[in-house]
N, C-alpha and C. Protein backbone atom coordinates (compact mmCIF):
# COMPACT_ATOMS: atom_id res chain seq x y z
N MET A 1 0.81 -1.16 0.00
CA MET A 1 0.00 0.00 0.00
C MET A 1 0.86 1.23 0.00
N ASN A 2 0.21 2.15 -0.50
CA ASN A 2 0.95 3.37 -0.71
C ASN A 2 0.38 4.45 0.20
N ASP A 3 0.75 4.40 1.50
CA ASP A 3 0.23 5.34 2.46
C ASP A 3 1.02 6.65 2.50
N LYS A 4 2.11 6.61 1.91
CA LYS A 4 2.94 7.83 1.92
C LYS A 4 2.34 8.85 0.96
N LYS A 5 2.27 10.06 1.43
CA LYS A 5 1.80 11.14 0.57
C LYS A 5 2.97 11.65 -0.25
N ARG A 6 2.65 11.90 -1.46
CA ARG A 6 3.72 12.44 -2.31
C ARG A 6 3.82 13.94 -2.12
N MET A 7 4.98 14.38 -1.91
CA MET A 7 5.24 15.81 -1.78
C MET A 7 5.80 16.30 -3.10
N GLY A 8 5.06 17.21 -3.73
CA GLY A 8 5.53 17.76 -5.00
C GLY A 8 6.44 18.96 -4.78
N MET A 9 6.93 19.43 -5.86
CA MET A 9 7.78 20.62 -5.79
C MET A 9 6.91 21.81 -5.42
N PRO A 10 7.44 22.72 -4.64
CA PRO A 10 6.64 23.89 -4.30
C PRO A 10 6.33 24.70 -5.56
N ALA A 11 5.19 25.32 -5.58
CA ALA A 11 4.75 26.08 -6.75
C ALA A 11 5.44 27.44 -6.76
N THR A 12 6.59 27.49 -7.37
CA THR A 12 7.34 28.75 -7.47
C THR A 12 7.22 29.36 -8.85
N GLY A 13 6.62 28.70 -9.77
CA GLY A 13 6.52 29.22 -11.14
C GLY A 13 5.69 30.48 -11.23
N GLY A 14 4.56 30.52 -10.55
CA GLY A 14 3.69 31.70 -10.60
C GLY A 14 4.34 32.92 -9.98
N SER A 15 4.95 32.75 -8.83
CA SER A 15 5.60 33.89 -8.17
C SER A 15 6.83 34.35 -8.95
N SER A 16 7.53 33.42 -9.57
CA SER A 16 8.68 33.81 -10.40
C SER A 16 8.23 34.62 -11.59
N LEU A 17 7.12 34.22 -12.20
CA LEU A 17 6.59 35.00 -13.33
C LEU A 17 6.17 36.39 -12.90
N LEU A 18 5.56 36.50 -11.73
CA LEU A 18 5.17 37.83 -11.23
C LEU A 18 6.39 38.71 -10.97
N VAL A 19 7.43 38.15 -10.40
CA VAL A 19 8.65 38.92 -10.15
C VAL A 19 9.29 39.35 -11.47
N ILE A 20 9.34 38.44 -12.44
CA ILE A 20 9.92 38.78 -13.75
C ILE A 20 9.09 39.89 -14.41
N PHE A 21 7.77 39.77 -14.35
CA PHE A 21 6.91 40.80 -14.94
C PHE A 21 7.10 42.15 -14.24
N ALA A 22 7.20 42.14 -12.92
CA ALA A 22 7.39 43.38 -12.17
C ALA A 22 8.71 44.05 -12.54
N VAL A 23 9.78 43.26 -12.62
CA VAL A 23 11.09 43.80 -12.98
C VAL A 23 11.05 44.36 -14.40
N LEU A 24 10.42 43.65 -15.31
CA LEU A 24 10.31 44.11 -16.69
C LEU A 24 9.50 45.41 -16.77
N ALA A 25 8.38 45.47 -16.05
CA ALA A 25 7.55 46.68 -16.06
C ALA A 25 8.32 47.87 -15.48
N LEU A 26 9.02 47.67 -14.37
CA LEU A 26 9.80 48.75 -13.77
C LEU A 26 10.92 49.21 -14.70
N THR A 27 11.54 48.28 -15.41
CA THR A 27 12.60 48.65 -16.36
C THR A 27 12.04 49.49 -17.49
N VAL A 28 10.88 49.09 -18.02
CA VAL A 28 10.25 49.87 -19.11
C VAL A 28 9.89 51.26 -18.62
N PHE A 29 9.30 51.36 -17.43
CA PHE A 29 8.94 52.67 -16.90
C PHE A 29 10.17 53.54 -16.64
N ALA A 30 11.26 52.94 -16.21
CA ALA A 30 12.50 53.69 -15.98
C ALA A 30 13.04 54.24 -17.30
N ILE A 31 13.02 53.42 -18.34
CA ILE A 31 13.49 53.88 -19.66
C ILE A 31 12.61 54.99 -20.19
N LEU A 32 11.29 54.85 -20.04
CA LEU A 32 10.39 55.91 -20.48
C LEU A 32 10.61 57.20 -19.70
N SER A 33 10.85 57.09 -18.42
CA SER A 33 11.12 58.28 -17.60
C SER A 33 12.39 58.98 -18.05
N ILE A 34 13.42 58.20 -18.33
CA ILE A 34 14.69 58.80 -18.78
C ILE A 34 14.51 59.49 -20.12
N SER A 35 13.76 58.87 -21.04
CA SER A 35 13.56 59.51 -22.35
C SER A 35 12.72 60.78 -22.22
N THR A 36 11.75 60.78 -21.30
CA THR A 36 10.94 61.99 -21.07
C THR A 36 11.79 63.11 -20.50
N VAL A 37 12.64 62.78 -19.56
CA VAL A 37 13.52 63.79 -18.96
C VAL A 37 14.47 64.36 -20.01
N THR A 38 14.98 63.51 -20.88
CA THR A 38 15.89 63.97 -21.94
C THR A 38 15.17 64.92 -22.89
N ALA A 39 13.96 64.56 -23.29
CA ALA A 39 13.18 65.44 -24.19
C ALA A 39 12.85 66.76 -23.52
N ASP A 40 12.47 66.72 -22.24
CA ASP A 40 12.16 67.95 -21.50
C ASP A 40 13.40 68.83 -21.36
N GLN A 41 14.55 68.23 -21.16
CA GLN A 41 15.79 69.00 -21.03
C GLN A 41 16.12 69.70 -22.35
N LYS A 42 15.96 68.99 -23.47
CA LYS A 42 16.22 69.61 -24.77
C LYS A 42 15.27 70.77 -25.02
N LEU A 43 13.99 70.59 -24.68
CA LEU A 43 13.01 71.66 -24.85
C LEU A 43 13.34 72.86 -23.97
N ALA A 44 13.73 72.61 -22.74
CA ALA A 44 14.09 73.69 -21.83
C ALA A 44 15.32 74.44 -22.33
N ASP A 45 16.31 73.71 -22.86
CA ASP A 45 17.51 74.37 -23.39
C ASP A 45 17.17 75.25 -24.59
N LYS A 46 16.32 74.75 -25.50
CA LYS A 46 15.92 75.55 -26.65
C LYS A 46 15.13 76.78 -26.23
N SER A 47 14.25 76.60 -25.26
CA SER A 47 13.46 77.73 -24.76
C SER A 47 14.36 78.78 -24.11
N ALA A 48 15.32 78.35 -23.32
CA ALA A 48 16.24 79.29 -22.68
C ALA A 48 17.08 80.03 -23.72
N ALA A 49 17.53 79.32 -24.74
CA ALA A 49 18.32 79.96 -25.80
C ALA A 49 17.47 80.98 -26.56
N SER A 50 16.21 80.66 -26.79
CA SER A 50 15.32 81.58 -27.49
C SER A 50 15.07 82.84 -26.67
N VAL A 51 14.83 82.67 -25.39
CA VAL A 51 14.60 83.83 -24.52
C VAL A 51 15.86 84.68 -24.42
N GLU A 52 17.01 84.04 -24.31
CA GLU A 52 18.28 84.77 -24.23
C GLU A 52 18.52 85.57 -25.51
N ALA A 53 18.25 84.96 -26.67
CA ALA A 53 18.43 85.66 -27.95
C ALA A 53 17.49 86.85 -28.06
N TYR A 54 16.24 86.69 -27.60
CA TYR A 54 15.30 87.81 -27.66
C TYR A 54 15.78 88.97 -26.79
N TYR A 55 16.21 88.69 -25.57
CA TYR A 55 16.62 89.77 -24.68
C TYR A 55 17.92 90.42 -25.12
N GLU A 56 18.78 89.68 -25.82
CA GLU A 56 19.97 90.32 -26.40
C GLU A 56 19.56 91.31 -27.49
N ALA A 57 18.61 90.91 -28.35
CA ALA A 57 18.12 91.80 -29.39
C ALA A 57 17.38 92.98 -28.78
N ASP A 58 16.63 92.74 -27.71
CA ASP A 58 15.90 93.80 -27.02
C ASP A 58 16.87 94.82 -26.43
N CYS A 59 17.94 94.33 -25.85
CA CYS A 59 18.97 95.23 -25.28
C CYS A 59 19.62 96.06 -26.38
N GLN A 60 19.92 95.42 -27.50
CA GLN A 60 20.50 96.14 -28.64
C GLN A 60 19.54 97.20 -29.15
N ALA A 61 18.25 96.88 -29.22
CA ALA A 61 17.25 97.84 -29.69
C ALA A 61 17.13 99.01 -28.72
N GLU A 62 17.22 98.74 -27.42
CA GLU A 62 17.17 99.81 -26.42
C GLU A 62 18.38 100.73 -26.54
N MET A 63 19.56 100.17 -26.82
CA MET A 63 20.76 101.00 -26.98
C MET A 63 20.65 101.88 -28.22
N ILE A 64 20.10 101.32 -29.31
CA ILE A 64 19.90 102.12 -30.52
C ILE A 64 18.90 103.24 -30.24
N LEU A 65 17.84 102.94 -29.51
CA LEU A 65 16.85 103.97 -29.16
C LEU A 65 17.48 105.07 -28.31
N ALA A 66 18.37 104.67 -27.39
CA ALA A 66 19.04 105.68 -26.56
C ALA A 66 19.92 106.59 -27.42
N GLU A 67 20.60 106.03 -28.43
CA GLU A 67 21.42 106.85 -29.32
C GLU A 67 20.54 107.79 -30.14
N ILE A 68 19.39 107.31 -30.61
CA ILE A 68 18.48 108.15 -31.38
C ILE A 68 17.98 109.31 -30.52
N ARG A 69 17.63 109.02 -29.27
CA ARG A 69 17.13 110.07 -28.38
C ARG A 69 18.21 111.08 -28.02
N SER A 70 19.49 110.67 -28.11
CA SER A 70 20.56 111.62 -27.82
C SER A 70 20.93 112.45 -29.04
N GLY A 71 20.29 112.20 -30.18
CA GLY A 71 20.51 113.01 -31.37
C GLY A 71 21.37 112.35 -32.42
N LYS A 72 21.84 111.16 -32.20
CA LYS A 72 22.68 110.46 -33.18
C LYS A 72 21.80 109.60 -34.07
N LEU A 73 22.29 109.30 -35.26
CA LEU A 73 21.61 108.39 -36.18
C LEU A 73 22.51 107.17 -36.38
N PRO A 74 22.26 106.10 -35.63
CA PRO A 74 23.11 104.90 -35.75
C PRO A 74 22.98 104.26 -37.13
N GLU A 75 23.97 103.45 -37.45
CA GLU A 75 23.98 102.75 -38.73
C GLU A 75 22.83 101.74 -38.77
N GLY A 76 22.16 101.67 -39.90
CA GLY A 76 21.05 100.74 -40.08
C GLY A 76 19.70 101.29 -39.69
N VAL A 77 19.67 102.52 -39.21
CA VAL A 77 18.40 103.14 -38.80
C VAL A 77 17.88 104.00 -39.95
N LYS A 78 16.62 103.79 -40.30
CA LYS A 78 15.99 104.60 -41.35
C LYS A 78 15.20 105.72 -40.70
N ARG A 79 15.32 106.91 -41.29
CA ARG A 79 14.62 108.06 -40.73
C ARG A 79 13.69 108.64 -41.77
N ASP A 80 12.45 108.92 -41.36
CA ASP A 80 11.47 109.57 -42.21
C ASP A 80 10.81 110.65 -41.37
N GLY A 81 11.40 111.84 -41.37
CA GLY A 81 10.93 112.91 -40.50
C GLY A 81 11.28 112.59 -39.06
N ASN A 82 10.27 112.48 -38.21
CA ASN A 82 10.49 112.12 -36.82
C ASN A 82 10.30 110.62 -36.57
N LEU A 83 10.06 109.87 -37.63
CA LEU A 83 9.84 108.42 -37.49
C LEU A 83 11.14 107.68 -37.78
N TYR A 84 11.58 106.91 -36.82
CA TYR A 84 12.79 106.12 -36.94
C TYR A 84 12.39 104.64 -36.94
N SER A 85 13.01 103.85 -37.84
CA SER A 85 12.73 102.42 -37.86
C SER A 85 14.04 101.66 -38.04
N TYR A 86 14.12 100.51 -37.37
CA TYR A 86 15.32 99.67 -37.45
C TYR A 86 14.97 98.24 -37.06
N LYS A 87 15.90 97.34 -37.37
CA LYS A 87 15.74 95.92 -37.07
C LYS A 87 16.93 95.43 -36.27
N CYS A 88 16.66 94.54 -35.34
CA CYS A 88 17.71 93.87 -34.59
C CYS A 88 17.51 92.36 -34.75
N PRO A 89 18.51 91.63 -35.24
CA PRO A 89 18.33 90.19 -35.44
C PRO A 89 18.22 89.44 -34.11
N VAL A 90 17.23 88.56 -34.02
CA VAL A 90 17.05 87.71 -32.85
C VAL A 90 17.68 86.35 -33.14
N THR A 91 17.26 85.73 -34.24
CA THR A 91 17.84 84.48 -34.73
C THR A 91 18.02 84.64 -36.24
N ASP A 92 18.39 83.55 -36.90
CA ASP A 92 18.52 83.61 -38.36
C ASP A 92 17.18 83.85 -39.03
N SER A 93 16.10 83.44 -38.38
CA SER A 93 14.79 83.54 -39.01
C SER A 93 13.87 84.57 -38.36
N LEU A 94 14.33 85.28 -37.32
CA LEU A 94 13.50 86.27 -36.64
C LEU A 94 14.26 87.58 -36.44
N ASN A 95 13.54 88.68 -36.62
CA ASN A 95 14.07 90.02 -36.35
C ASN A 95 13.15 90.74 -35.38
N LEU A 96 13.73 91.60 -34.58
CA LEU A 96 12.95 92.50 -33.74
C LEU A 96 12.88 93.82 -34.49
N GLU A 97 11.67 94.16 -34.95
CA GLU A 97 11.49 95.39 -35.72
C GLU A 97 10.92 96.47 -34.82
N VAL A 98 11.53 97.67 -34.91
CA VAL A 98 11.16 98.78 -34.04
C VAL A 98 10.86 100.00 -34.88
N GLU A 99 9.77 100.69 -34.54
CA GLU A 99 9.45 102.00 -35.11
C GLU A 99 9.16 102.94 -33.96
N VAL A 100 9.84 104.08 -33.97
CA VAL A 100 9.72 105.03 -32.87
C VAL A 100 9.49 106.42 -33.44
N LEU A 101 8.53 107.12 -32.86
CA LEU A 101 8.27 108.52 -33.22
C LEU A 101 8.93 109.37 -32.14
N VAL A 102 9.97 110.13 -32.52
CA VAL A 102 10.76 110.88 -31.55
C VAL A 102 10.44 112.36 -31.68
N GLY A 103 10.05 112.95 -30.54
CA GLY A 103 9.79 114.39 -30.47
C GLY A 103 10.92 115.09 -29.77
N GLU A 104 10.68 116.33 -29.38
CA GLU A 104 11.71 117.13 -28.71
C GLU A 104 12.04 116.56 -27.33
N GLU A 105 11.03 116.33 -26.52
CA GLU A 105 11.25 115.88 -25.15
C GLU A 105 10.79 114.45 -24.89
N GLU A 106 9.93 113.93 -25.75
CA GLU A 106 9.40 112.59 -25.50
C GLU A 106 9.39 111.77 -26.77
N TYR A 107 9.15 110.51 -26.62
CA TYR A 107 9.11 109.61 -27.77
C TYR A 107 7.94 108.63 -27.59
N GLU A 108 7.50 108.06 -28.70
CA GLU A 108 6.42 107.09 -28.67
C GLU A 108 6.83 105.87 -29.49
N VAL A 109 6.79 104.72 -28.86
CA VAL A 109 7.11 103.48 -29.55
C VAL A 109 5.86 103.04 -30.30
N LEU A 110 5.95 103.00 -31.62
CA LEU A 110 4.82 102.59 -32.44
C LEU A 110 4.83 101.09 -32.70
N ARG A 111 6.01 100.52 -32.75
CA ARG A 111 6.13 99.09 -33.04
C ARG A 111 7.37 98.53 -32.36
N TRP A 112 7.20 97.44 -31.67
CA TRP A 112 8.30 96.72 -31.01
C TRP A 112 7.90 95.25 -31.12
N GLN A 113 8.24 94.64 -32.26
CA GLN A 113 7.63 93.37 -32.61
C GLN A 113 8.64 92.42 -33.24
N MET A 114 8.52 91.12 -32.88
CA MET A 114 9.33 90.10 -33.53
C MET A 114 8.63 89.70 -34.83
N VAL A 115 9.40 89.67 -35.92
CA VAL A 115 8.86 89.40 -37.24
C VAL A 115 9.75 88.36 -37.92
N SER A 116 9.14 87.51 -38.71
CA SER A 116 9.90 86.51 -39.45
C SER A 116 10.80 87.19 -40.47
N ALA A 117 12.02 86.73 -40.56
CA ALA A 117 12.97 87.29 -41.52
C ALA A 117 12.94 86.55 -42.84
N ALA A 118 12.25 85.44 -42.90
CA ALA A 118 12.19 84.64 -44.13
C ALA A 118 11.24 85.30 -45.13
N ASP A 119 11.55 85.13 -46.40
CA ASP A 119 10.66 85.64 -47.43
C ASP A 119 9.46 84.71 -47.54
N TRP A 120 8.28 85.29 -47.49
CA TRP A 120 7.06 84.50 -47.57
C TRP A 120 6.68 84.32 -49.02
N GLN A 121 6.37 83.08 -49.37
CA GLN A 121 5.94 82.78 -50.74
C GLN A 121 4.60 82.06 -50.66
N ASN A 122 3.64 82.57 -51.39
CA ASN A 122 2.32 81.98 -51.41
C ASN A 122 2.35 80.66 -52.16
N ASP A 123 1.74 79.63 -51.58
CA ASP A 123 1.69 78.32 -52.21
C ASP A 123 0.24 78.01 -52.58
N ASP A 124 -0.07 78.12 -53.86
CA ASP A 124 -1.42 77.85 -54.34
C ASP A 124 -1.54 76.47 -54.97
N SER A 125 -0.63 75.58 -54.68
CA SER A 125 -0.63 74.27 -55.34
C SER A 125 -1.71 73.33 -54.79
N LEU A 126 -2.27 73.62 -53.63
CA LEU A 126 -3.29 72.76 -53.06
C LEU A 126 -4.66 73.21 -53.55
N PRO A 127 -5.39 72.34 -54.26
CA PRO A 127 -6.72 72.73 -54.72
C PRO A 127 -7.70 72.74 -53.54
N VAL A 128 -8.32 73.87 -53.32
CA VAL A 128 -9.23 74.05 -52.20
C VAL A 128 -10.63 74.31 -52.75
N TRP A 129 -11.63 73.69 -52.18
CA TRP A 129 -13.01 73.86 -52.61
C TRP A 129 -13.45 75.27 -52.29
N ASP A 130 -13.97 75.97 -53.30
CA ASP A 130 -14.37 77.36 -53.13
C ASP A 130 -15.81 77.51 -52.64
N GLY A 131 -16.52 76.41 -52.41
CA GLY A 131 -17.86 76.47 -51.88
C GLY A 131 -18.95 76.36 -52.93
N GLU A 132 -18.58 76.37 -54.18
CA GLU A 132 -19.54 76.29 -55.26
C GLU A 132 -19.71 74.86 -55.72
N VAL A 133 -20.98 74.42 -55.86
CA VAL A 133 -21.26 73.07 -56.35
C VAL A 133 -21.70 73.18 -57.80
N ILE A 134 -21.02 72.46 -58.66
CA ILE A 134 -21.34 72.47 -60.09
C ILE A 134 -21.80 71.07 -60.46
N ILE A 135 -23.04 70.97 -60.97
CA ILE A 135 -23.57 69.68 -61.41
C ILE A 135 -23.67 69.73 -62.91
N GLU A 136 -22.97 68.80 -63.55
CA GLU A 136 -23.02 68.73 -65.01
C GLU A 136 -24.09 67.74 -65.42
N GLU A 137 -24.43 67.77 -66.69
CA GLU A 137 -25.45 66.88 -67.22
C GLU A 137 -25.00 65.43 -67.12
N SER A 138 -25.96 64.54 -67.20
CA SER A 138 -25.69 63.11 -67.13
C SER A 138 -24.83 62.70 -68.32
N ASN A 139 -23.97 61.71 -68.08
CA ASN A 139 -23.09 61.24 -69.14
C ASN A 139 -23.75 60.16 -70.00
N GLY A 140 -25.06 60.01 -69.91
CA GLY A 140 -25.79 59.04 -70.72
C GLY A 140 -25.98 57.72 -70.05
N GLU A 141 -25.28 57.48 -68.98
CA GLU A 141 -25.43 56.22 -68.27
C GLU A 141 -26.21 56.40 -66.98
N GLY A 142 -26.83 57.55 -66.82
CA GLY A 142 -27.65 57.79 -65.65
C GLY A 142 -26.88 58.31 -64.45
N GLU A 143 -25.60 58.59 -64.62
CA GLU A 143 -24.80 59.08 -63.51
C GLU A 143 -24.41 60.53 -63.78
N GLY A 144 -24.52 61.36 -62.77
CA GLY A 144 -24.11 62.74 -62.89
C GLY A 144 -22.60 62.84 -62.66
N ILE A 145 -22.01 63.90 -63.11
CA ILE A 145 -20.57 64.11 -62.95
C ILE A 145 -20.38 65.25 -61.97
N TRP A 146 -19.70 64.98 -60.90
CA TRP A 146 -19.37 66.00 -59.91
C TRP A 146 -17.89 66.31 -60.01
N PRO A 147 -17.55 67.48 -60.48
CA PRO A 147 -16.10 67.78 -60.61
C PRO A 147 -15.49 67.97 -59.23
N LEU A 148 -14.25 67.55 -59.13
CA LEU A 148 -13.51 67.71 -57.87
C LEU A 148 -12.51 68.82 -57.96
């Protein structure tokens, strides 16, 4: 007779799978966190560089305005009566454009604006529906023709 109970191996397969899954999930989340931090750092660096470039151009524009108010006409400044206009480069594709109306004792800033330095070219290559529906006569087979 077989009165002895058989003792099997302890069930460690399920817990091992859970541990492996947990380690794998934590590894994936760690990699995703690192990639997010890297992307955020690049964005922050670009934003800081953009702000720094703007304030450098702003400082240059303020110095030019100070020279204009002292009676000098700096290089690159256009004058039309009491209206002075000039540009200060911010980046390769952006300029800070300034227009100032200067009087005897006071001045008025008419424009202090960042503007694209690139030449704009209209692109009409995309056919866009103008809102008009044109229905042509049937082609003889009972189907109407709708132009696109």
